Amino acid sequence: MANINTSDCSHIVNTELDLPGTTCEECGVTSPTRVCLSCGHIGCCETTNGHALAHSRASGHPVIRELPISERSFTWCYDCNAYLK
């Protein structure tokens, strides 16, 4: 898995998201979850039920952020197949 600079990812959007929580909208899993940086959808990781990836494929929104958001949480682009730094 690659690491690329955020500036090198053409899929990143600059949005301010108001997160109501960290629970997967489809199955209710509370961890590990990811937020879509395009629309704020919260889905679970592929290690659980994969709803974050399913949302990305269905919506065309490729960039997610690990929840809860902190200085250590990662940002991932499915289209670039890379962590953004």
N, C-alpha and C. Protein backbone atom coordinates (compact mmCIF):
# COMPACT_ATOMS: atom_id res chain seq x y z
N MET A 1 0.83 -1.17 0.00
CA MET A 1 0.00 0.00 0.00
C MET A 1 0.88 1.23 0.00
N ALA A 2 0.53 2.13 -0.83
CA ALA A 2 1.34 3.32 -1.02
C ALA A 2 0.93 4.44 -0.07
N ASN A 3 1.83 5.36 0.10
CA ASN A 3 1.57 6.62 0.78
C ASN A 3 1.85 7.71 -0.23
N ILE A 4 0.88 8.61 -0.43
CA ILE A 4 1.08 9.72 -1.35
C ILE A 4 0.70 11.02 -0.65
N ASN A 5 1.21 12.12 -1.15
CA ASN A 5 0.84 13.42 -0.62
C ASN A 5 -0.60 13.73 -1.00
N THR A 6 -1.30 14.35 -0.09
CA THR A 6 -2.69 14.73 -0.35
C THR A 6 -2.79 15.55 -1.62
N SER A 7 -1.81 16.41 -1.86
CA SER A 7 -1.83 17.26 -3.06
C SER A 7 -1.70 16.45 -4.35
N ASP A 8 -1.24 15.20 -4.25
CA ASP A 8 -1.10 14.35 -5.44
C ASP A 8 -2.35 13.53 -5.73
N CYS A 9 -3.35 13.62 -4.87
CA CYS A 9 -4.60 12.88 -5.06
C CYS A 9 -5.65 13.83 -5.63
N SER A 10 -6.10 13.56 -6.84
CA SER A 10 -7.10 14.43 -7.48
C SER A 10 -8.51 14.19 -6.96
N HIS A 11 -8.68 13.21 -6.07
CA HIS A 11 -10.01 12.85 -5.58
C HIS A 11 -10.38 13.54 -4.27
N ILE A 12 -9.41 14.14 -3.60
CA ILE A 12 -9.66 14.77 -2.30
C ILE A 12 -10.52 16.02 -2.48
N VAL A 13 -11.47 16.17 -1.58
CA VAL A 13 -12.31 17.36 -1.58
C VAL A 13 -12.13 18.07 -0.26
N ASN A 14 -12.28 19.37 -0.27
CA ASN A 14 -12.17 20.15 0.95
C ASN A 14 -13.56 20.41 1.49
N THR A 15 -13.97 19.62 2.45
CA THR A 15 -15.29 19.79 3.03
C THR A 15 -15.18 19.81 4.55
N GLU A 16 -16.05 20.55 5.14
CA GLU A 16 -16.19 20.55 6.59
C GLU A 16 -17.37 19.65 6.90
N LEU A 17 -17.13 18.60 7.65
CA LEU A 17 -18.18 17.64 7.96
C LEU A 17 -18.62 17.77 9.40
N ASP A 18 -19.93 17.76 9.61
CA ASP A 18 -20.48 17.74 10.96
C ASP A 18 -20.87 16.29 11.24
N LEU A 19 -20.05 15.61 12.02
CA LEU A 19 -20.27 14.18 12.28
C LEU A 19 -21.21 13.97 13.45
N PRO A 20 -22.33 13.30 13.20
CA PRO A 20 -23.28 13.04 14.29
C PRO A 20 -22.84 11.90 15.20
N GLY A 21 -21.86 11.13 14.78
CA GLY A 21 -21.40 9.99 15.57
C GLY A 21 -20.37 9.21 14.79
N THR A 22 -20.12 7.98 15.23
CA THR A 22 -19.14 7.14 14.56
C THR A 22 -19.69 5.74 14.28
N THR A 23 -20.99 5.61 14.21
CA THR A 23 -21.64 4.32 14.01
C THR A 23 -21.97 4.09 12.54
N CYS A 24 -21.69 2.89 12.03
CA CYS A 24 -21.99 2.54 10.65
C CYS A 24 -23.48 2.72 10.39
N GLU A 25 -23.80 3.45 9.33
CA GLU A 25 -25.19 3.75 9.00
C GLU A 25 -25.97 2.52 8.54
N GLU A 26 -25.28 1.50 8.05
CA GLU A 26 -25.96 0.30 7.57
C GLU A 26 -26.17 -0.76 8.64
N CYS A 27 -25.14 -1.04 9.43
CA CYS A 27 -25.23 -2.19 10.33
C CYS A 27 -25.09 -1.86 11.81
N GLY A 28 -24.75 -0.62 12.15
CA GLY A 28 -24.67 -0.23 13.54
C GLY A 28 -23.36 -0.54 14.23
N VAL A 29 -22.37 -1.07 13.51
CA VAL A 29 -21.05 -1.32 14.10
C VAL A 29 -20.47 0.01 14.55
N THR A 30 -19.85 0.02 15.72
CA THR A 30 -19.29 1.27 16.24
C THR A 30 -17.79 1.41 16.01
N SER A 31 -17.13 0.32 15.62
CA SER A 31 -15.69 0.38 15.38
C SER A 31 -15.25 -0.89 14.66
N PRO A 32 -14.35 -0.82 13.74
CA PRO A 32 -13.73 0.36 13.14
C PRO A 32 -14.65 0.94 12.06
N THR A 33 -14.76 2.25 12.06
CA THR A 33 -15.61 2.92 11.08
C THR A 33 -14.83 4.00 10.35
N ARG A 34 -15.39 4.40 9.21
CA ARG A 34 -14.76 5.39 8.33
C ARG A 34 -15.83 6.39 7.89
N VAL A 35 -15.41 7.63 7.65
CA VAL A 35 -16.33 8.65 7.15
C VAL A 35 -15.94 9.01 5.72
N CYS A 36 -16.93 9.13 4.86
CA CYS A 36 -16.73 9.58 3.48
C CYS A 36 -16.47 11.08 3.51
N LEU A 37 -15.37 11.51 2.94
CA LEU A 37 -15.04 12.92 2.96
C LEU A 37 -15.80 13.73 1.92
N SER A 38 -16.55 13.07 1.06
CA SER A 38 -17.38 13.80 0.10
C SER A 38 -18.74 14.16 0.67
N CYS A 39 -19.36 13.22 1.40
CA CYS A 39 -20.74 13.45 1.84
C CYS A 39 -20.99 13.20 3.32
N GLY A 40 -20.02 12.64 4.04
CA GLY A 40 -20.20 12.40 5.47
C GLY A 40 -20.81 11.06 5.83
N HIS A 41 -21.04 10.20 4.84
CA HIS A 41 -21.58 8.86 5.14
C HIS A 41 -20.60 8.12 6.05
N ILE A 42 -21.13 7.43 7.05
CA ILE A 42 -20.30 6.65 7.96
C ILE A 42 -20.55 5.18 7.69
N GLY A 43 -19.47 4.46 7.38
CA GLY A 43 -19.56 3.03 7.11
C GLY A 43 -18.47 2.28 7.83
N CYS A 44 -18.68 0.98 8.00
CA CYS A 44 -17.69 0.16 8.68
C CYS A 44 -16.59 -0.27 7.71
N CYS A 45 -15.49 -0.66 8.29
CA CYS A 45 -14.29 -1.08 7.57
C CYS A 45 -14.48 -2.43 6.90
N GLU A 46 -13.60 -2.76 5.97
CA GLU A 46 -13.66 -4.05 5.29
C GLU A 46 -13.41 -5.22 6.24
N THR A 47 -12.77 -4.98 7.38
CA THR A 47 -12.54 -6.06 8.34
C THR A 47 -13.82 -6.44 9.08
N THR A 48 -14.85 -5.63 8.97
CA THR A 48 -16.15 -5.98 9.54
C THR A 48 -17.09 -6.30 8.39
N ASN A 49 -17.97 -5.37 8.02
CA ASN A 49 -18.94 -5.66 6.95
C ASN A 49 -18.69 -4.91 5.64
N GLY A 50 -17.69 -4.03 5.60
CA GLY A 50 -17.29 -3.37 4.37
C GLY A 50 -18.24 -2.32 3.83
N HIS A 51 -19.03 -1.69 4.69
CA HIS A 51 -19.99 -0.71 4.20
C HIS A 51 -19.34 0.60 3.71
N ALA A 52 -18.17 0.95 4.22
CA ALA A 52 -17.47 2.15 3.72
C ALA A 52 -17.04 1.93 2.27
N LEU A 53 -16.49 0.77 1.97
CA LEU A 53 -16.09 0.45 0.60
C LEU A 53 -17.31 0.34 -0.31
N ALA A 54 -18.37 -0.29 0.17
CA ALA A 54 -19.60 -0.41 -0.63
C ALA A 54 -20.16 0.97 -0.97
N HIS A 55 -20.14 1.88 0.01
CA HIS A 55 -20.60 3.25 -0.25
C HIS A 55 -19.73 3.93 -1.30
N SER A 56 -18.42 3.75 -1.18
CA SER A 56 -17.50 4.35 -2.15
C SER A 56 -17.79 3.88 -3.57
N ARG A 57 -17.97 2.58 -3.72
CA ARG A 57 -18.25 2.02 -5.05
C ARG A 57 -19.59 2.48 -5.61
N ALA A 58 -20.61 2.54 -4.76
CA ALA A 58 -21.94 2.93 -5.22
C ALA A 58 -22.05 4.42 -5.51
N SER A 59 -21.33 5.24 -4.76
CA SER A 59 -21.46 6.69 -4.88
C SER A 59 -20.39 7.34 -5.74
N GLY A 60 -19.25 6.65 -5.91
CA GLY A 60 -18.13 7.27 -6.61
C GLY A 60 -17.34 8.22 -5.72
N HIS A 61 -17.52 8.11 -4.41
CA HIS A 61 -16.79 8.93 -3.45
C HIS A 61 -15.61 8.11 -2.92
N PRO A 62 -14.40 8.36 -3.39
CA PRO A 62 -13.28 7.48 -3.08
C PRO A 62 -12.49 7.75 -1.80
N VAL A 63 -12.66 8.90 -1.16
CA VAL A 63 -11.79 9.25 -0.05
C VAL A 63 -12.51 9.12 1.29
N ILE A 64 -11.87 8.37 2.21
CA ILE A 64 -12.43 8.15 3.54
C ILE A 64 -11.43 8.55 4.60
N ARG A 65 -11.93 8.75 5.81
CA ARG A 65 -11.08 9.06 6.97
C ARG A 65 -11.46 8.14 8.11
N GLU A 66 -10.46 7.64 8.79
CA GLU A 66 -10.67 6.76 9.94
C GLU A 66 -11.36 7.53 11.07
N LEU A 67 -12.30 6.86 11.73
CA LEU A 67 -12.97 7.44 12.89
C LEU A 67 -12.55 6.72 14.16
N PRO A 68 -12.53 7.41 15.28
CA PRO A 68 -12.81 8.84 15.43
C PRO A 68 -11.65 9.66 14.86
N ILE A 69 -11.99 10.84 14.37
CA ILE A 69 -10.97 11.70 13.77
C ILE A 69 -10.06 12.26 14.86
N SER A 70 -8.78 12.07 14.63
CA SER A 70 -7.75 12.59 15.53
C SER A 70 -6.51 12.88 14.70
N GLU A 71 -5.47 13.34 15.33
CA GLU A 71 -4.22 13.59 14.62
C GLU A 71 -3.63 12.31 14.05
N ARG A 72 -3.98 11.17 14.64
CA ARG A 72 -3.42 9.88 14.22
C ARG A 72 -4.29 9.13 13.22
N SER A 73 -5.54 9.58 13.00
CA SER A 73 -6.41 8.84 12.08
C SER A 73 -5.95 9.03 10.64
N PHE A 74 -6.06 7.96 9.86
CA PHE A 74 -5.57 8.00 8.49
C PHE A 74 -6.66 8.44 7.52
N THR A 75 -6.20 8.90 6.35
CA THR A 75 -7.07 9.21 5.22
C THR A 75 -6.66 8.27 4.10
N TRP A 76 -7.63 7.66 3.43
CA TRP A 76 -7.39 6.67 2.39
C TRP A 76 -8.18 7.02 1.14
N CYS A 77 -7.55 6.84 -0.02
CA CYS A 77 -8.24 7.01 -1.30
C CYS A 77 -8.33 5.65 -1.97
N TYR A 78 -9.57 5.17 -2.16
CA TYR A 78 -9.77 3.88 -2.83
C TYR A 78 -9.29 3.94 -4.29
N ASP A 79 -9.51 5.06 -4.97
CA ASP A 79 -9.11 5.16 -6.38
C ASP A 79 -7.59 5.18 -6.55
N CYS A 80 -6.89 5.86 -5.65
CA CYS A 80 -5.41 5.90 -5.72
C CYS A 80 -4.81 4.66 -5.06
N ASN A 81 -5.62 3.92 -4.29
CA ASN A 81 -5.15 2.77 -3.52
C ASN A 81 -3.97 3.16 -2.64
N ALA A 82 -4.18 4.28 -1.90
CA ALA A 82 -3.08 4.83 -1.12
C ALA A 82 -3.58 5.61 0.08
N TYR A 83 -2.71 5.62 1.12
CA TYR A 83 -2.93 6.51 2.25
C TYR A 83 -2.50 7.90 1.84
N LEU A 84 -3.23 8.91 2.27
CA LEU A 84 -2.88 10.30 1.96
C LEU A 84 -2.20 10.91 3.16
N LYS A 85 -1.09 11.60 2.90
CA LYS A 85 -0.35 12.24 4.00
C LYS A 85 -0.22 13.72 3.77
